[in-house]
N, C-alpha and C. Protein backbone atom coordinates (compact mmCIF):
# COMPACT_ATOMS: atom_id res chain seq x y z
N MET A 1 125.38 79.34 115.31
CA MET A 1 124.28 79.80 115.69
C MET A 1 123.24 79.23 115.24
N SER A 2 121.85 79.67 116.04
CA SER A 2 120.88 78.75 116.06
C SER A 2 119.67 80.15 116.18
N PHE A 3 119.10 79.71 115.03
CA PHE A 3 118.02 80.87 114.96
C PHE A 3 116.33 80.19 115.19
N ASP A 4 115.60 81.27 116.14
CA ASP A 4 114.26 80.80 116.09
C ASP A 4 113.42 80.94 115.15
N ALA A 5 112.39 80.39 115.27
CA ALA A 5 111.78 79.96 113.77
C ALA A 5 110.03 80.27 114.41
N PRO A 6 109.54 81.40 114.04
CA PRO A 6 110.11 82.31 113.32
C PRO A 6 110.90 83.19 114.03
N VAL A 7 112.11 84.14 114.31
CA VAL A 7 112.08 85.23 114.84
C VAL A 7 111.27 85.94 115.47
N THR A 8 111.32 86.39 116.88
CA THR A 8 110.14 86.94 117.46
C THR A 8 110.83 88.19 118.12
N ALA A 9 110.50 89.54 117.71
CA ALA A 9 111.19 90.66 118.66
C ALA A 9 110.45 90.64 120.08
N PRO A 10 111.05 91.17 120.98
CA PRO A 10 110.46 90.91 122.36
C PRO A 10 108.70 91.86 122.41
N PRO A 11 108.14 91.53 123.32
CA PRO A 11 106.92 92.15 123.53
C PRO A 11 107.24 93.39 123.77
N ARG A 12 105.80 94.43 123.46
CA ARG A 12 106.16 95.81 123.47
C ARG A 12 104.66 95.99 123.57
N LEU A 13 104.44 97.23 124.45
CA LEU A 13 103.27 97.86 124.68
C LEU A 13 103.29 99.11 123.27
N LEU A 14 102.10 99.37 122.86
CA LEU A 14 101.92 100.34 122.12
C LEU A 14 101.88 101.96 122.37
N ASP A 15 102.66 102.70 121.72
CA ASP A 15 102.88 104.15 121.97
C ASP A 15 101.42 104.95 122.02
N PRO A 16 101.19 105.42 122.90
CA PRO A 16 100.12 106.21 122.65
C PRO A 16 99.89 107.34 121.49
N ALA A 17 101.18 107.93 121.21
CA ALA A 17 100.79 108.70 120.38
C ALA A 17 100.29 107.99 118.72
N TRP A 18 100.78 106.58 118.66
CA TRP A 18 100.14 106.09 117.38
C TRP A 18 99.10 105.90 117.26
N LEU A 19 98.10 105.88 118.23
CA LEU A 19 96.92 105.79 118.20
C LEU A 19 95.98 106.96 117.30
N ASP A 20 94.89 106.13 116.41
CA ASP A 20 94.05 107.16 115.78
C ASP A 20 92.87 108.10 116.40
N TYR A 21 92.14 108.54 115.51
CA TYR A 21 90.92 109.13 115.94
C TYR A 21 89.78 108.09 116.07
N ASN A 22 90.04 107.23 116.03
CA ASN A 22 88.90 105.84 115.96
C ASN A 22 89.40 105.15 117.44
N GLY A 23 90.42 105.58 118.10
CA GLY A 23 91.23 104.94 119.23
C GLY A 23 91.92 103.88 119.21
N HIS A 24 92.16 103.28 117.83
CA HIS A 24 93.01 101.91 117.65
C HIS A 24 94.18 102.41 117.13
N LEU A 25 95.54 101.51 116.85
CA LEU A 25 96.55 101.59 116.44
C LEU A 25 95.99 101.82 114.98
N ASN A 26 96.86 103.37 114.63
CA ASN A 26 96.92 104.12 113.14
C ASN A 26 97.52 102.89 112.38
N MET A 27 97.35 102.89 111.04
CA MET A 27 97.86 101.75 110.06
C MET A 27 98.89 102.19 109.98
N ALA A 28 100.14 103.19 109.82
CA ALA A 28 101.13 103.61 109.73
C ALA A 28 101.81 102.72 110.89
N TYR A 29 101.40 102.35 111.84
CA TYR A 29 102.26 102.26 113.12
C TYR A 29 102.39 100.55 113.07
N TYR A 30 101.77 99.88 112.28
CA TYR A 30 101.75 98.35 112.02
C TYR A 30 102.87 98.54 111.50
N ASN A 31 103.50 99.32 110.21
CA ASN A 31 104.43 99.09 109.66
C ASN A 31 105.86 99.29 110.46
N VAL A 32 105.26 100.34 111.45
CA VAL A 32 106.72 100.45 112.55
C VAL A 32 107.24 98.86 113.24
N LEU A 33 106.05 98.73 113.79
CA LEU A 33 106.09 97.40 114.29
C LEU A 33 106.97 96.50 113.98
N PHE A 34 106.10 96.52 112.32
CA PHE A 34 107.16 95.34 111.46
C PHE A 34 108.64 95.35 111.41
N ASP A 35 108.84 96.74 110.79
CA ASP A 35 110.16 97.42 110.60
C ASP A 35 111.24 96.79 112.04
N ASN A 36 110.45 97.23 113.05
CA ASN A 36 111.16 96.96 114.60
C ASN A 36 111.85 95.64 114.60
N ALA A 37 110.66 94.66 114.19
CA ALA A 37 110.88 92.94 114.18
C ALA A 37 112.20 92.59 113.17
N VAL A 38 111.86 93.04 112.02
CA VAL A 38 112.98 93.39 111.03
C VAL A 38 114.25 93.58 111.53
N ASP A 39 114.40 94.74 112.53
CA ASP A 39 115.73 95.25 112.80
C ASP A 39 116.43 94.31 113.79
N HIS A 40 114.95 93.53 114.59
CA HIS A 40 115.72 92.66 115.86
C HIS A 40 116.56 91.39 114.89
N ALA A 41 115.35 90.64 113.69
CA ALA A 41 115.97 89.75 113.30
C ALA A 41 117.77 90.22 112.09
N PHE A 42 117.63 91.55 111.89
CA PHE A 42 119.08 91.75 111.02
C PHE A 42 119.99 92.18 112.09
N ALA A 43 119.91 92.25 113.08
CA ALA A 43 120.79 92.51 114.31
C ALA A 43 121.30 90.99 114.85
N LEU A 44 120.67 89.92 114.47
CA LEU A 44 121.29 88.54 114.78
C LEU A 44 121.99 87.98 113.77
N ILE A 45 121.46 88.68 112.35
CA ILE A 45 122.78 88.64 111.23
C ILE A 45 123.72 89.13 110.78
N GLY A 46 123.88 90.19 112.05
CA GLY A 46 124.86 91.24 111.44
C GLY A 46 124.73 92.47 110.52
N CYS A 47 123.21 92.63 110.41
CA CYS A 47 123.01 93.98 109.50
C CYS A 47 122.24 94.73 110.32
N GLY A 48 122.21 94.86 111.95
CA GLY A 48 122.21 95.96 112.81
C GLY A 48 122.52 97.66 112.30
N PRO A 49 122.32 98.13 113.10
CA PRO A 49 122.41 99.68 112.65
C PRO A 49 123.95 99.83 112.39
N ASP A 50 125.05 98.76 112.89
CA ASP A 50 126.22 99.13 112.12
C ASP A 50 126.70 99.15 111.05
N TYR A 51 126.15 98.45 110.43
CA TYR A 51 126.16 97.41 109.06
C TYR A 51 126.32 98.69 107.87
N ARG A 52 125.27 99.97 107.97
CA ARG A 52 125.50 100.52 106.93
C ARG A 52 126.71 101.79 107.35
N GLU A 53 126.92 101.66 108.80
CA GLU A 53 128.17 102.72 108.61
C GLU A 53 129.66 101.78 108.66
N GLU A 54 129.71 100.72 108.88
CA GLU A 54 130.84 99.96 108.34
C GLU A 54 130.76 99.38 107.32
N ARG A 55 129.86 99.17 106.58
CA ARG A 55 130.22 98.23 105.32
C ARG A 55 129.60 99.28 104.27
N ASN A 56 128.48 100.67 104.46
CA ASN A 56 128.23 100.86 103.38
C ASN A 56 127.02 100.46 102.26
N MET A 57 126.66 99.18 103.39
CA MET A 57 125.44 98.39 102.74
C MET A 57 124.13 98.58 103.61
N SER A 58 123.11 98.20 103.19
CA SER A 58 121.66 98.20 104.06
C SER A 58 120.67 97.47 102.70
N PHE A 59 119.38 97.36 103.54
CA PHE A 59 118.23 96.55 102.49
C PHE A 59 117.15 97.90 102.61
N PHE A 60 116.92 97.96 101.12
CA PHE A 60 115.59 98.62 100.84
C PHE A 60 114.17 97.78 100.89
N THR A 61 112.96 98.55 101.33
CA THR A 61 111.81 97.75 100.85
C THR A 61 111.50 98.07 99.18
N ALA A 62 111.49 96.65 98.78
CA ALA A 62 110.90 96.82 97.17
C ALA A 62 109.31 96.90 97.56
N GLU A 63 108.82 96.11 98.15
CA GLU A 63 107.27 95.72 97.67
C GLU A 63 106.97 95.22 99.21
N THR A 64 105.74 95.66 99.71
CA THR A 64 105.11 95.12 100.86
C THR A 64 103.61 95.09 100.49
N HIS A 65 102.76 94.06 101.39
CA HIS A 65 101.49 94.13 101.23
C HIS A 65 100.99 93.64 102.89
N VAL A 66 100.70 94.67 103.50
CA VAL A 66 99.95 94.47 105.07
C VAL A 66 98.27 93.91 104.87
N CYS A 67 98.15 92.96 105.44
CA CYS A 67 96.96 92.89 105.58
C CYS A 67 96.67 93.25 107.17
N TYR A 68 95.37 93.47 107.75
CA TYR A 68 95.14 94.32 108.95
C TYR A 68 93.96 92.89 109.21
N VAL A 69 94.05 92.13 110.41
CA VAL A 69 93.43 91.20 110.26
C VAL A 69 92.00 91.69 111.94
N ARG A 70 92.77 92.28 112.81
CA ARG A 70 91.92 92.43 114.10
C ARG A 70 92.58 93.16 114.64
N GLU A 71 91.70 94.77 114.91
CA GLU A 71 92.57 96.03 115.56
C GLU A 71 93.02 95.65 116.99
N LEU A 72 94.20 96.83 117.17
CA LEU A 72 94.97 97.07 118.24
C LEU A 72 94.38 98.26 119.08
N ARG A 73 93.77 98.02 120.28
CA ARG A 73 93.08 99.14 121.13
C ARG A 73 94.89 99.53 122.05
N PRO A 74 94.53 100.65 122.69
CA PRO A 74 95.57 101.64 123.23
C PRO A 74 96.25 100.59 124.15
N ASP A 75 95.44 99.44 125.04
CA ASP A 75 96.43 99.08 126.11
C ASP A 75 97.05 97.38 125.20
N ALA A 76 97.03 97.98 124.43
CA ALA A 76 97.39 96.19 123.64
C ALA A 76 99.12 96.16 123.97
N GLU A 77 99.53 94.68 124.03
CA GLU A 77 100.76 94.41 124.59
C GLU A 77 101.15 93.18 122.99
N VAL A 78 102.18 93.16 122.57
CA VAL A 78 102.30 92.33 121.41
C VAL A 78 103.68 92.04 120.78
N ARG A 79 103.66 91.41 120.24
CA ARG A 79 104.90 90.38 119.65
C ARG A 79 105.04 90.58 118.12
N ALA A 80 105.68 91.13 117.53
CA ALA A 80 105.99 91.20 115.57
C ALA A 80 106.80 89.80 115.57
N SER A 81 106.84 89.31 114.63
CA SER A 81 107.96 87.72 113.93
C SER A 81 108.08 88.26 112.73
N VAL A 82 108.86 87.66 112.33
CA VAL A 82 109.88 87.39 111.08
C VAL A 82 110.37 86.18 110.62
N GLN A 83 109.67 85.87 109.23
CA GLN A 83 109.86 84.57 108.94
C GLN A 83 110.40 84.37 107.12
N ILE A 84 111.52 84.08 107.44
CA ILE A 84 112.10 84.26 105.73
C ILE A 84 111.40 82.97 104.74
N ILE A 85 110.73 83.73 103.64
CA ILE A 85 110.26 82.69 103.07
C ILE A 85 111.06 82.34 101.77
N ASP A 86 111.89 82.99 101.63
CA ASP A 86 113.05 82.66 100.37
C ASP A 86 113.92 83.70 100.27
N HIS A 87 115.23 83.63 99.83
CA HIS A 87 115.81 84.36 99.44
C HIS A 87 117.10 84.27 98.65
N ASP A 88 117.66 85.18 98.01
CA ASP A 88 118.93 84.43 96.68
C ASP A 88 119.85 85.90 97.15
N ALA A 89 121.39 85.87 96.55
CA ALA A 89 122.22 86.80 96.91
C ALA A 89 121.76 88.09 96.97
N LYS A 90 120.86 88.74 96.43
CA LYS A 90 120.58 90.30 96.67
C LYS A 90 118.83 90.58 97.30
N ARG A 91 118.26 89.24 97.57
CA ARG A 91 116.98 89.66 97.61
C ARG A 91 116.19 88.76 99.26
N LEU A 92 115.62 89.02 99.87
CA LEU A 92 114.61 88.55 100.82
C LEU A 92 113.42 88.77 100.74
N HIS A 93 112.58 87.88 100.94
CA HIS A 93 111.28 87.68 101.09
C HIS A 93 111.07 87.20 102.18
N LEU A 94 110.29 88.23 102.96
CA LEU A 94 110.04 87.85 104.31
C LEU A 94 108.59 87.87 104.72
N TYR A 95 107.87 87.23 105.55
CA TYR A 95 106.42 87.08 106.04
C TYR A 95 106.54 87.42 107.68
N GLN A 96 105.50 88.35 107.88
CA GLN A 96 105.62 89.24 109.26
C GLN A 96 104.28 88.59 109.89
N GLU A 97 104.23 88.76 110.98
CA GLU A 97 102.65 88.67 112.17
C GLU A 97 102.99 89.39 112.90
N ILE A 98 102.12 90.35 113.45
CA ILE A 98 101.77 90.59 114.92
C ILE A 98 101.06 90.09 115.53
N ARG A 99 100.92 89.68 116.75
CA ARG A 99 100.26 89.12 117.41
C ARG A 99 100.22 89.90 118.92
N HIS A 100 98.77 89.92 119.42
CA HIS A 100 98.84 90.49 120.89
C HIS A 100 98.96 89.20 121.75
N VAL A 101 99.86 89.72 122.70
CA VAL A 101 100.48 88.71 123.21
C VAL A 101 99.53 87.82 123.96
N GLU A 102 98.06 87.65 124.05
CA GLU A 102 97.19 86.59 124.41
C GLU A 102 97.26 85.67 123.32
N GLY A 103 98.22 86.01 121.93
CA GLY A 103 97.97 85.12 120.69
C GLY A 103 97.23 85.46 119.93
N TRP A 104 95.99 86.21 119.58
CA TRP A 104 95.49 86.04 118.52
C TRP A 104 96.03 86.98 117.66
N LEU A 105 96.11 87.36 116.40
CA LEU A 105 96.78 87.37 114.70
C LEU A 105 95.99 89.17 115.01
N SER A 106 96.74 90.13 114.66
CA SER A 106 96.37 91.29 114.49
C SER A 106 96.44 91.99 112.86
N ALA A 107 98.02 91.21 112.49
CA ALA A 107 98.28 91.83 111.05
C ALA A 107 99.27 91.10 110.72
N THR A 108 99.17 90.97 109.52
CA THR A 108 100.29 90.32 108.74
C THR A 108 100.70 91.24 107.61
N SER A 109 102.29 90.81 107.47
CA SER A 109 102.92 91.50 106.23
C SER A 109 103.92 90.77 105.51
N GLU A 110 103.93 90.77 103.94
CA GLU A 110 104.64 90.14 103.53
C GLU A 110 105.65 91.32 102.54
N THR A 111 106.82 90.89 102.30
CA THR A 111 107.60 92.03 101.82
C THR A 111 109.09 91.60 101.07
N LEU A 112 109.40 92.42 100.35
CA LEU A 112 110.67 91.90 99.35
C LEU A 112 111.80 92.91 99.66
N LEU A 113 112.44 92.37 100.44
CA LEU A 113 113.66 93.48 100.53
C LEU A 113 114.91 93.43 99.49
N LEU A 114 115.74 94.46 99.15
CA LEU A 114 116.82 94.47 98.18
C LEU A 114 118.16 94.80 98.99
N HIS A 115 119.06 93.79 98.81
CA HIS A 115 120.42 94.39 99.71
C HIS A 115 120.92 95.48 98.41
N VAL A 116 121.44 96.78 99.12
CA VAL A 116 122.04 97.85 98.55
C VAL A 116 123.34 98.20 98.93
N ASP A 117 124.10 98.56 97.91
CA ASP A 117 125.56 98.88 98.08
C ASP A 117 125.27 100.52 98.37
N MET A 118 125.39 100.96 99.08
CA MET A 118 124.93 102.65 99.37
C MET A 118 125.94 103.57 98.38
N SER A 119 126.93 103.00 97.84
CA SER A 119 128.02 104.27 97.30
C SER A 119 126.94 104.06 95.78
N GLY A 120 126.28 103.53 94.97
CA GLY A 120 125.22 103.45 94.17
C GLY A 120 123.97 104.82 94.20
N PRO A 121 123.34 104.48 95.00
CA PRO A 121 123.29 103.50 95.87
C PRO A 121 122.34 102.42 94.39
N ARG A 122 122.87 100.95 94.58
CA ARG A 122 122.42 99.93 93.90
C ARG A 122 122.26 98.73 94.58
N VAL A 123 121.70 97.99 94.06
CA VAL A 123 121.10 96.73 94.38
C VAL A 123 122.60 95.75 94.17
N ALA A 124 122.90 95.21 95.26
CA ALA A 124 124.40 94.21 95.06
C ALA A 124 124.15 93.05 96.19
N GLN A 125 125.16 92.25 96.02
CA GLN A 125 124.87 90.62 96.45
C GLN A 125 125.74 90.93 97.72
N MET A 126 124.89 90.26 98.89
CA MET A 126 125.10 90.33 100.56
C MET A 126 127.13 89.84 100.22
N PRO A 127 127.32 90.31 101.45
CA PRO A 127 128.60 89.88 101.72
C PRO A 127 128.72 88.21 101.98
N GLU A 128 129.32 87.52 101.63
CA GLU A 128 129.13 85.92 101.86
C GLU A 128 129.02 85.87 103.56
N ASP A 129 129.68 86.34 104.26
CA ASP A 129 129.45 85.97 105.63
C ASP A 129 127.73 86.59 106.52
N ILE A 130 127.05 87.93 105.49
CA ILE A 130 126.04 87.93 105.76
C ILE A 130 125.28 86.55 105.48
N LEU A 131 125.43 86.71 103.88
CA LEU A 131 124.56 85.69 103.16
C LEU A 131 124.42 84.13 103.79
N GLU A 132 125.54 83.66 104.62
CA GLU A 132 125.64 82.45 105.21
C GLU A 132 124.93 82.78 106.25
N LYS A 133 124.60 83.90 107.11
CA LYS A 133 123.70 83.57 108.60
C LYS A 133 122.19 83.65 107.78
N VAL A 134 121.83 84.58 106.16
CA VAL A 134 120.70 84.56 106.16
C VAL A 134 120.17 82.85 105.56
N ALA A 135 121.04 82.36 105.06
CA ALA A 135 120.86 81.03 104.75
C ALA A 135 120.55 80.07 105.92
N GLU A 136 121.23 80.21 107.03
CA GLU A 136 120.96 79.49 108.22
C GLU A 136 119.87 80.17 108.94
N MET A 137 119.11 81.06 108.79
CA MET A 137 118.40 81.64 109.41
C MET A 137 117.02 81.41 108.73
N ALA A 138 117.23 81.16 107.13
CA ALA A 138 116.07 80.58 106.53
C ALA A 138 115.94 78.63 106.40
N GLY A 139 117.10 78.37 106.83
CA GLY A 139 117.21 77.07 106.91
C GLY A 139 116.18 76.79 108.23
N ALA A 140 116.54 77.54 109.26
CA ALA A 140 115.46 77.36 110.32
C ALA A 140 114.10 77.49 110.13
N HIS A 141 113.80 78.76 109.76
CA HIS A 141 112.45 78.80 109.06
C HIS A 141 111.97 77.76 108.09
N SER A 142 112.66 76.81 107.04
CA SER A 142 111.95 76.35 106.08
C SER A 142 111.11 75.15 107.00
N ALA A 143 111.60 74.74 108.00
CA ALA A 143 110.40 73.83 108.87
C ALA A 143 109.34 74.50 109.21
N LEU A 144 108.87 75.66 108.95
CA LEU A 144 107.95 76.14 109.08
C LEU A 144 107.21 76.04 107.85
N PRO A 145 105.61 75.93 108.25
CA PRO A 145 104.64 75.88 106.84
C PRO A 145 104.48 77.07 106.07
N ARG A 146 104.53 77.13 104.68
CA ARG A 146 104.31 78.18 104.08
C ARG A 146 103.18 78.96 104.84
N PRO A 147 103.24 80.31 104.99
CA PRO A 147 102.19 80.89 105.59
C PRO A 147 100.96 81.28 104.86
N GLU A 148 99.65 80.62 105.34
CA GLU A 148 98.42 80.90 104.30
C GLU A 148 98.23 82.25 103.57
N ARG A 149 98.48 83.55 104.52
CA ARG A 149 98.65 84.79 103.82
C ARG A 149 99.56 84.86 102.76
N ALA A 150 100.47 84.32 102.87
CA ALA A 150 101.22 84.77 101.52
C ALA A 150 101.69 84.66 100.34
N GLY A 151 101.84 85.47 99.10
CA GLY A 151 101.15 85.30 98.02
C GLY A 151 99.92 86.15 97.59
N ARG A 152 99.31 86.66 98.56
CA ARG A 152 97.96 87.48 98.33
C ARG A 152 97.94 88.30 97.00
N SER A 153 96.79 88.34 96.42
CA SER A 153 97.05 90.05 95.96
C SER A 153 95.81 90.81 96.28
N ILE A 154 95.87 91.97 95.89
CA ILE A 154 94.47 92.82 96.04
C ILE A 154 93.51 92.89 94.70
N GLY A 155 92.59 92.71 95.10
CA GLY A 155 91.42 92.60 94.56
C GLY A 155 90.12 92.60 94.85
N ILE A 156 88.69 92.87 94.01
CA ILE A 156 87.79 92.81 94.29
C ILE A 156 87.01 91.42 93.29
N SER A 157 86.49 90.32 94.06
CA SER A 157 86.26 89.35 93.87
C SER A 157 84.40 89.38 93.52
N ARG A 158 84.34 89.26 92.37
CA ARG A 158 83.00 89.46 91.18
C ARG A 158 82.51 88.23 90.77
N LYS A 159 81.11 88.11 91.00
CA LYS A 159 80.27 87.11 90.92
C LYS A 159 80.10 87.40 89.38
N PRO A 160 80.40 86.27 88.44
CA PRO A 160 80.10 85.85 86.91
C PRO A 160 78.67 86.77 86.77
N LYS A 161 78.51 87.25 85.96
CA LYS A 161 77.19 87.83 85.20
C LYS A 161 76.26 86.80 84.56
N GLY A 162 74.73 87.29 84.77
CA GLY A 162 74.21 86.14 83.94
C GLY A 162 74.16 84.72 84.56
N GLY A 163 74.18 83.72 84.25
CA GLY A 163 74.21 82.31 84.77
C GLY A 163 72.95 82.38 85.43
N ALA A 164 73.09 80.91 85.84
CA ALA A 164 71.97 80.62 86.64
C ALA A 164 71.66 81.13 88.33
N ALA A 165 70.52 81.23 88.39
CA ALA A 165 70.31 81.52 90.03
C ALA A 165 70.48 80.82 90.98
């Protein structure tokens, strides 16, 4: 199997119910778009909707960082992508983008996911067949440059007090 780099979910229009009182996409629904793109990528590696039911395993989000770059208006059509930055037997480090179909960047998300055995629930290693597909997808993504926005932190930059003007 070969994977796109990055994996991109099919384009979609925004749901009018997702708009806020400012007339653009409410911040919560950016995460819905990101999550739908992860679901698309997971279906490709065998971790789609049946994975929890058949194997009693799933993925949980441990941490996420979203950057809102440019607002999406009601008539926007968008694509969301998924890039595996890193992984091991229990974790996935993903970078995602939402782009308007015209190509401009609207938002980014960096996420750490944990593979979970639902009988605990507890963090557990991925089954070998899933880990092999993750490694294959990560291999396809390894040719991509490291995203500029990956590894960012939140903070307020301050100029040093005193000093020369």
